[in-house]
Amino acid sequence: MRSETIPAKSGRAWRVAAGRSLRVVDVDGGQTGDLFAVAADDPADGQSNGRTFDYGGTLRLSTGSVLYSRRSRPLLRIAEDEVGTHDFLYAPCSQQMYEIEYAATGPRPNCFDNLVGALAAFGVPASTVTTAFNVFMNVGIAPDGGLTVLAPASAVAGRGTTFVAERDLFVAVTSCPASNCNGGRAQRLVVELL
């Protein structure tokens, strides 16, 4: 096993061989992160929330769920989920999101840039990175379809989610800097490569 810390507001990426596992751990409790997988044999074939919802028949992904690519190929299977609540609706936070939603000025650390930067080392173009799987992010869906970002579901320190690669992949993980989904602060995550 290899363990790597993802410092707050940053991201990293790895090549993960088919059949190997990657576990994302919320070591301090209350932190969300973004995970994005890409087929190693086709850097344009990134994960797709729409395909995943189509084939799984649910918005709520947990143990046994498969994340599919935009070309309908299985990428990751959730093998173990100690948290049980994640989001696959929201796009990664971005510089534009901070400017549009919060009228922020100046550069801000963000998941989109962190994912793109980490995956660039493997030749993955920025255009491949779309909707990330937001580990531990808790989103309420109202009857009228309204979305509400709630406190992270991983409030207990040390809980995590384990993914198994269904094919050779490039996988990036961030520790989300957006304060609205992390209780007003950003903390580290740990990724264990098994």
C-alpha atoms as a PDB file:
ATOM      1  CA  MET A   1       0.000   0.000   0.000  1.00  0.00           C
ATOM      2  CA  ARG A   2       1.139   3.510  -0.802  1.00  0.00           C
ATOM      3  CA  SER A   3      -0.410   6.429   1.076  1.00  0.00           C
ATOM      4  CA  GLU A   4      -0.312  10.004  -0.177  1.00  0.00           C
ATOM      5  CA  THR A   5      -1.637  13.137   1.477  1.00  0.00           C
ATOM      6  CA  ILE A   6      -3.598  15.603  -0.644  1.00  0.00           C
ATOM      7  CA  PRO A   7      -2.946  18.925   1.101  1.00  0.00           C
ATOM      8  CA  ALA A   8      -5.925  21.257   1.544  1.00  0.00           C
ATOM      9  CA  LYS A   9      -6.885  23.073  -1.673  1.00  0.00           C
ATOM     10  CA  SER A  10      -4.687  20.913  -3.916  1.00  0.00           C
ATOM     11  CA  GLY A  11      -4.853  17.792  -6.073  1.00  0.00           C
ATOM     12  CA  ARG A  12      -2.809  14.864  -7.394  1.00  0.00           C
ATOM     13  CA  ALA A  13      -3.164  12.138 -10.007  1.00  0.00           C
ATOM     14  CA  TRP A  14      -1.953   8.567 -10.488  1.00  0.00           C
ATOM     15  CA  ARG A  15      -1.989   5.778 -13.021  1.00  0.00           C
ATOM     16  CA  VAL A  16      -4.100   2.977 -11.516  1.00  0.00           C
ATOM     17  CA  ALA A  17      -3.908  -0.454 -13.152  1.00  0.00           C
ATOM     18  CA  ALA A  18      -7.029  -2.542 -13.781  1.00  0.00           C
ATOM     19  CA  GLY A  19      -7.978  -4.473 -10.652  1.00  0.00           C
ATOM     20  CA  ARG A  20      -6.074  -2.171  -8.280  1.00  0.00           C
ATOM     21  CA  SER A  21      -7.821  -0.157  -5.564  1.00  0.00           C
ATOM     22  CA  LEU A  22      -7.753   3.486  -4.578  1.00  0.00           C
ATOM     23  CA  ARG A  23      -9.169   4.545  -1.205  1.00  0.00           C
ATOM     24  CA  VAL A  24     -10.012   8.181  -0.406  1.00  0.00           C
ATOM     25  CA  VAL A  25      -9.912   8.879   3.342  1.00  0.00           C
ATOM     26  CA  ASP A  26     -11.261  11.923   5.177  1.00  0.00           C
ATOM     27  CA  VAL A  27      -8.592  11.802   7.865  1.00  0.00           C
ATOM     28  CA  ASP A  28      -9.836  14.787   9.898  1.00  0.00           C
ATOM     29  CA  GLY A  29     -13.578  14.573   9.219  1.00  0.00           C
ATOM     30  CA  GLY A  30     -15.817  17.028   7.373  1.00  0.00           C
ATOM     31  CA  GLN A  31     -13.798  17.412   4.149  1.00  0.00           C
ATOM     32  CA  THR A  32     -14.988  16.849   0.586  1.00  0.00           C
ATOM     33  CA  GLY A  33     -12.951  16.137  -2.509  1.00  0.00           C
ATOM     34  CA  ASP A  34     -13.301  15.691  -6.241  1.00  0.00           C
ATOM     35  CA  LEU A  35     -12.363  12.479  -8.030  1.00  0.00           C
ATOM     36  CA  PHE A  36     -12.036  12.246 -11.799  1.00  0.00           C
ATOM     37  CA  ALA A  37     -11.098   9.089 -13.737  1.00  0.00           C
ATOM     38  CA  VAL A  38      -9.966   8.781 -17.354  1.00  0.00           C
ATOM     39  CA  ALA A  39      -9.390   5.646 -19.430  1.00  0.00           C
ATOM     40  CA  ALA A  40      -5.616   5.295 -19.867  1.00  0.00           C
ATOM     41  CA  ASP A  41      -6.014   4.060 -23.453  1.00  0.00           C
ATOM     42  CA  ASP A  42      -8.052   7.132 -24.477  1.00  0.00           C
ATOM     43  CA  PRO A  43      -7.329  10.441 -22.684  1.00  0.00           C
ATOM     44  CA  ALA A  44     -10.571  11.895 -24.118  1.00  0.00           C
ATOM     45  CA  ASP A  45     -12.709   9.206 -22.418  1.00  0.00           C
ATOM     46  CA  GLY A  46     -13.372  10.655 -18.981  1.00  0.00           C
ATOM     47  CA  GLN A  47     -16.046   9.739 -16.487  1.00  0.00           C
ATOM     48  CA  SER A  48     -19.657  10.706 -17.146  1.00  0.00           C
ATOM     49  CA  ASN A  49     -22.300  11.360 -14.528  1.00  0.00           C
ATOM     50  CA  GLY A  50     -25.062  11.004 -17.145  1.00  0.00           C
ATOM     51  CA  ARG A  51     -23.925   7.561 -18.310  1.00  0.00           C
ATOM     52  CA  THR A  52     -23.435   6.496 -14.691  1.00  0.00           C
ATOM     53  CA  PHE A  53     -26.974   7.603 -13.777  1.00  0.00           C
ATOM     54  CA  ASP A  54     -28.385   5.899 -16.889  1.00  0.00           C
ATOM     55  CA  TYR A  55     -26.809   2.518 -16.246  1.00  0.00           C
ATOM     56  CA  GLY A  56     -27.081   2.535 -12.450  1.00  0.00           C
ATOM     57  CA  GLY A  57     -30.615   3.943 -12.307  1.00  0.00           C
ATOM     58  CA  THR A  58     -29.868   6.200  -9.335  1.00  0.00           C
ATOM     59  CA  LEU A  59     -28.390   9.540  -8.297  1.00  0.00           C
ATOM     60  CA  ARG A  60     -27.145   8.021  -5.025  1.00  0.00           C
ATOM     61  CA  LEU A  61     -23.952   6.058  -5.594  1.00  0.00           C
ATOM     62  CA  SER A  62     -22.426   3.803  -2.948  1.00  0.00           C
ATOM     63  CA  THR A  63     -21.055   0.272  -2.517  1.00  0.00           C
ATOM     64  CA  GLY A  64     -21.492  -1.695  -5.744  1.00  0.00           C
ATOM     65  CA  SER A  65     -22.065   1.345  -7.976  1.00  0.00           C
ATOM     66  CA  VAL A  66     -20.006   1.691 -11.165  1.00  0.00           C
ATOM     67  CA  LEU A  67     -18.762   4.989 -12.586  1.00  0.00           C
ATOM     68  CA  TYR A  68     -18.942   4.908 -16.397  1.00  0.00           C
ATOM     69  CA  SER A  69     -17.072   6.873 -19.041  1.00  0.00           C
ATOM     70  CA  ARG A  70     -18.627   9.060 -21.694  1.00  0.00           C
ATOM     71  CA  ARG A  71     -18.042   6.153 -24.124  1.00  0.00           C
ATOM     72  CA  SER A  72     -20.075   3.871 -21.808  1.00  0.00           C
ATOM     73  CA  ARG A  73     -17.102   1.925 -20.494  1.00  0.00           C
ATOM     74  CA  PRO A  74     -16.870   0.999 -16.790  1.00  0.00           C
ATOM     75  CA  LEU A  75     -14.072   2.948 -15.094  1.00  0.00           C
ATOM     76  CA  LEU A  76     -14.402   2.530 -11.321  1.00  0.00           C
ATOM     77  CA  ARG A  77     -16.506   0.377  -9.009  1.00  0.00           C
ATOM     78  CA  ILE A  78     -17.183   1.451  -5.434  1.00  0.00           C
ATOM     79  CA  ALA A  79     -16.016  -1.575  -3.457  1.00  0.00           C
ATOM     80  CA  GLU A  80     -16.502  -0.199   0.057  1.00  0.00           C
ATOM     81  CA  ASP A  81     -18.185   2.966   1.266  1.00  0.00           C
ATOM     82  CA  GLU A  82     -17.997   3.923   4.936  1.00  0.00           C
ATOM     83  CA  VAL A  83     -19.723   7.270   4.344  1.00  0.00           C
ATOM     84  CA  GLY A  84     -22.555   6.485   1.904  1.00  0.00           C
ATOM     85  CA  THR A  85     -23.218  10.046   0.732  1.00  0.00           C
ATOM     86  CA  HIS A  86     -21.520  11.635  -2.271  1.00  0.00           C
ATOM     87  CA  ASP A  87     -22.462  14.022  -5.064  1.00  0.00           C
ATOM     88  CA  PHE A  88     -22.231  13.523  -8.823  1.00  0.00           C
ATOM     89  CA  LEU A  89     -24.324  16.530  -9.895  1.00  0.00           C
ATOM     90  CA  TYR A  90     -22.110  19.546  -9.205  1.00  0.00           C
ATOM     91  CA  ALA A  91     -19.238  20.432 -11.515  1.00  0.00           C
ATOM     92  CA  PRO A  92     -15.830  20.967  -9.895  1.00  0.00           C
ATOM     93  CA  CYS A  93     -15.484  24.379  -8.298  1.00  0.00           C
ATOM     94  CA  SER A  94     -13.644  26.712 -10.675  1.00  0.00           C
ATOM     95  CA  GLN A  95     -12.313  30.236 -10.953  1.00  0.00           C
ATOM     96  CA  GLN A  96     -15.458  31.132 -12.907  1.00  0.00           C
ATOM     97  CA  MET A  97     -17.694  29.677 -10.177  1.00  0.00           C
ATOM     98  CA  TYR A  98     -16.047  31.898  -7.553  1.00  0.00           C
ATOM     99  CA  GLU A  99     -16.464  34.936  -9.803  1.00  0.00           C
ATOM    100  CA  ILE A 100     -20.094  34.236 -10.790  1.00  0.00           C
ATOM    101  CA  GLU A 101     -21.489  32.933  -7.511  1.00  0.00           C
ATOM    102  CA  TYR A 102     -19.408  34.881  -4.984  1.00  0.00           C
ATOM    103  CA  ALA A 103     -18.235  37.944  -6.964  1.00  0.00           C
ATOM    104  CA  ALA A 104     -14.681  36.941  -6.034  1.00  0.00           C
ATOM    105  CA  THR A 105     -11.781  38.806  -7.547  1.00  0.00           C
ATOM    106  CA  GLY A 106      -8.303  37.454  -8.066  1.00  0.00           C
ATOM    107  CA  PRO A 107      -7.180  33.854  -8.485  1.00  0.00           C
ATOM    108  CA  ARG A 108      -8.658  31.223  -6.152  1.00  0.00           C
ATOM    109  CA  PRO A 109      -7.536  27.627  -5.645  1.00  0.00           C
ATOM    110  CA  ASN A 110     -10.184  25.414  -7.224  1.00  0.00           C
ATOM    111  CA  CYS A 111     -10.881  21.775  -8.008  1.00  0.00           C
ATOM    112  CA  PHE A 112     -11.145  22.204 -11.773  1.00  0.00           C
ATOM    113  CA  ASP A 113      -7.657  23.681 -12.099  1.00  0.00           C
ATOM    114  CA  ASN A 114      -6.298  21.105  -9.641  1.00  0.00           C
ATOM    115  CA  LEU A 115      -7.805  18.194 -11.602  1.00  0.00           C
ATOM    116  CA  VAL A 116      -6.678  19.583 -14.969  1.00  0.00           C
ATOM    117  CA  GLY A 117      -3.173  20.303 -13.677  1.00  0.00           C
ATOM    118  CA  ALA A 118      -2.738  16.864 -12.109  1.00  0.00           C
ATOM    119  CA  LEU A 119      -4.058  14.976 -15.154  1.00  0.00           C
ATOM    120  CA  ALA A 120      -2.007  17.046 -17.637  1.00  0.00           C
ATOM    121  CA  ALA A 121       1.077  15.079 -16.567  1.00  0.00           C
ATOM    122  CA  PHE A 122      -0.575  12.027 -18.193  1.00  0.00           C
ATOM    123  CA  GLY A 123      -1.498  13.834 -21.412  1.00  0.00           C
ATOM    124  CA  VAL A 124      -5.172  14.315 -20.489  1.00  0.00           C
ATOM    125  CA  PRO A 125      -6.555  17.492 -22.121  1.00  0.00           C
ATOM    126  CA  ALA A 126      -8.538  19.995 -20.060  1.00  0.00           C
ATOM    127  CA  SER A 127     -11.581  19.350 -22.272  1.00  0.00           C
ATOM    128  CA  THR A 128     -11.847  15.806 -20.852  1.00  0.00           C
ATOM    129  CA  VAL A 129     -12.479  17.051 -17.300  1.00  0.00           C
ATOM    130  CA  THR A 130     -16.200  17.539 -16.789  1.00  0.00           C
ATOM    131  CA  THR A 131     -18.307  16.599 -13.738  1.00  0.00           C
ATOM    132  CA  ALA A 132     -16.231  15.087 -10.945  1.00  0.00           C
ATOM    133  CA  PHE A 133     -17.421  12.510  -8.433  1.00  0.00           C
ATOM    134  CA  ASN A 134     -17.585  14.648  -5.288  1.00  0.00           C
ATOM    135  CA  VAL A 135     -16.584  12.295  -2.485  1.00  0.00           C
ATOM    136  CA  PHE A 136     -18.287  12.941   0.861  1.00  0.00           C
ATOM    137  CA  MET A 137     -20.208  15.960  -0.521  1.00  0.00           C
ATOM    138  CA  ASN A 138     -23.748  16.090   0.807  1.00  0.00           C
ATOM    139  CA  VAL A 139     -26.359  17.659  -1.474  1.00  0.00           C
ATOM    140  CA  GLY A 140     -30.048  17.877  -0.619  1.00  0.00           C
ATOM    141  CA  ILE A 141     -32.540  17.641  -3.482  1.00  0.00           C
ATOM    142  CA  ALA A 142     -35.886  19.346  -2.822  1.00  0.00           C
ATOM    143  CA  PRO A 143     -39.173  18.107  -4.347  1.00  0.00           C
ATOM    144  CA  ASP A 144     -39.061  21.045  -6.785  1.00  0.00           C
ATOM    145  CA  GLY A 145     -35.540  20.029  -7.881  1.00  0.00           C
ATOM    146  CA  GLY A 146     -33.713  22.721  -5.916  1.00  0.00           C
ATOM    147  CA  LEU A 147     -30.251  21.813  -4.682  1.00  0.00           C
ATOM    148  CA  THR A 148     -28.813  22.622  -1.268  1.00  0.00           C
ATOM    149  CA  VAL A 149     -25.218  22.021  -0.220  1.00  0.00           C
ATOM    150  CA  LEU A 150     -25.247  20.502   3.269  1.00  0.00           C
ATOM    151  CA  ALA A 151     -22.497  19.701   5.767  1.00  0.00           C
ATOM    152  CA  PRO A 152     -20.216  16.875   4.560  1.00  0.00           C
ATOM    153  CA  ALA A 153     -21.437  13.389   5.379  1.00  0.00           C
ATOM    154  CA  SER A 154     -17.974  12.308   6.514  1.00  0.00           C
ATOM    155  CA  ALA A 155     -18.103  14.023   9.897  1.00  0.00           C
ATOM    156  CA  VAL A 156     -16.297  11.133  11.623  1.00  0.00           C
ATOM    157  CA  ALA A 157     -12.536  11.299  11.100  1.00  0.00           C
ATOM    158  CA  GLY A 158     -10.875   8.415   9.286  1.00  0.00           C
ATOM    159  CA  ARG A 159     -13.777   7.183   7.188  1.00  0.00           C
ATOM    160  CA  GLY A 160     -13.318   6.576   3.514  1.00  0.00           C
ATOM    161  CA  THR A 161     -14.472   5.138   0.214  1.00  0.00           C
ATOM    162  CA  THR A 162     -12.626   2.472  -1.784  1.00  0.00           C
ATOM    163  CA  PHE A 163     -12.761   2.304  -5.583  1.00  0.00           C
ATOM    164  CA  VAL A 164     -11.536  -0.554  -7.803  1.00  0.00           C
ATOM    165  CA  ALA A 165     -10.276   0.206 -11.306  1.00  0.00           C
ATOM    166  CA  GLU A 166     -12.264  -1.665 -13.945  1.00  0.00           C
ATOM    167  CA  ARG A 167      -9.575  -0.867 -16.553  1.00  0.00           C
ATOM    168  CA  ASP A 168      -6.229   0.947 -16.625  1.00  0.00           C
ATOM    169  CA  LEU A 169      -6.925   4.515 -15.564  1.00  0.00           C
ATOM    170  CA  PHE A 170      -5.561   7.913 -14.742  1.00  0.00           C
ATOM    171  CA  VAL A 171      -7.283   9.097 -11.556  1.00  0.00           C
ATOM    172  CA  ALA A 172      -7.053  12.562 -10.001  1.00  0.00           C
ATOM    173  CA  VAL A 173      -8.271  13.521  -6.517  1.00  0.00           C
ATOM    174  CA  THR A 174      -8.532  16.985  -4.984  1.00  0.00           C
ATOM    175  CA  SER A 175      -9.115  18.293  -1.496  1.00  0.00           C
ATOM    176  CA  CYS A 176     -11.858  20.815  -2.222  1.00  0.00           C
ATOM    177  CA  PRO A 177     -11.147  24.443  -1.249  1.00  0.00           C
ATOM    178  CA  ALA A 178     -14.795  25.624  -1.470  1.00  0.00           C
ATOM    179  CA  SER A 179     -15.841  26.645   2.025  1.00  0.00           C
ATOM    180  CA  ASN A 180     -19.588  26.178   1.454  1.00  0.00           C
ATOM    181  CA  CYS A 181     -19.254  22.377   1.227  1.00  0.00           C
ATOM    182  CA  ASN A 182     -16.562  21.953   3.896  1.00  0.00           C
ATOM    183  CA  GLY A 183     -17.978  23.686   6.948  1.00  0.00           C
ATOM    184  CA  GLY A 184     -16.073  26.897   6.243  1.00  0.00           C
ATOM    185  CA  ARG A 185     -12.597  25.373   6.109  1.00  0.00           C
ATOM    186  CA  ALA A 186     -10.412  23.217   3.865  1.00  0.00           C
ATOM    187  CA  GLN A 187      -8.447  20.214   5.153  1.00  0.00           C
ATOM    188  CA  ARG A 188      -6.314  17.417   3.780  1.00  0.00           C
ATOM    189  CA  LEU A 189      -7.457  14.099   2.392  1.00  0.00           C
ATOM    190  CA  VAL A 190      -5.396  10.923   2.121  1.00  0.00           C
ATOM    191  CA  VAL A 191      -5.368   8.590  -0.877  1.00  0.00           C
ATOM    192  CA  GLU A 192      -4.276   5.010  -0.325  1.00  0.00           C
ATOM    193  CA  LEU A 193      -3.212   3.110  -3.430  1.00  0.00           C
ATOM    194  CA  LEU A 194      -3.749  -0.585  -2.744  1.00  0.00           C
END
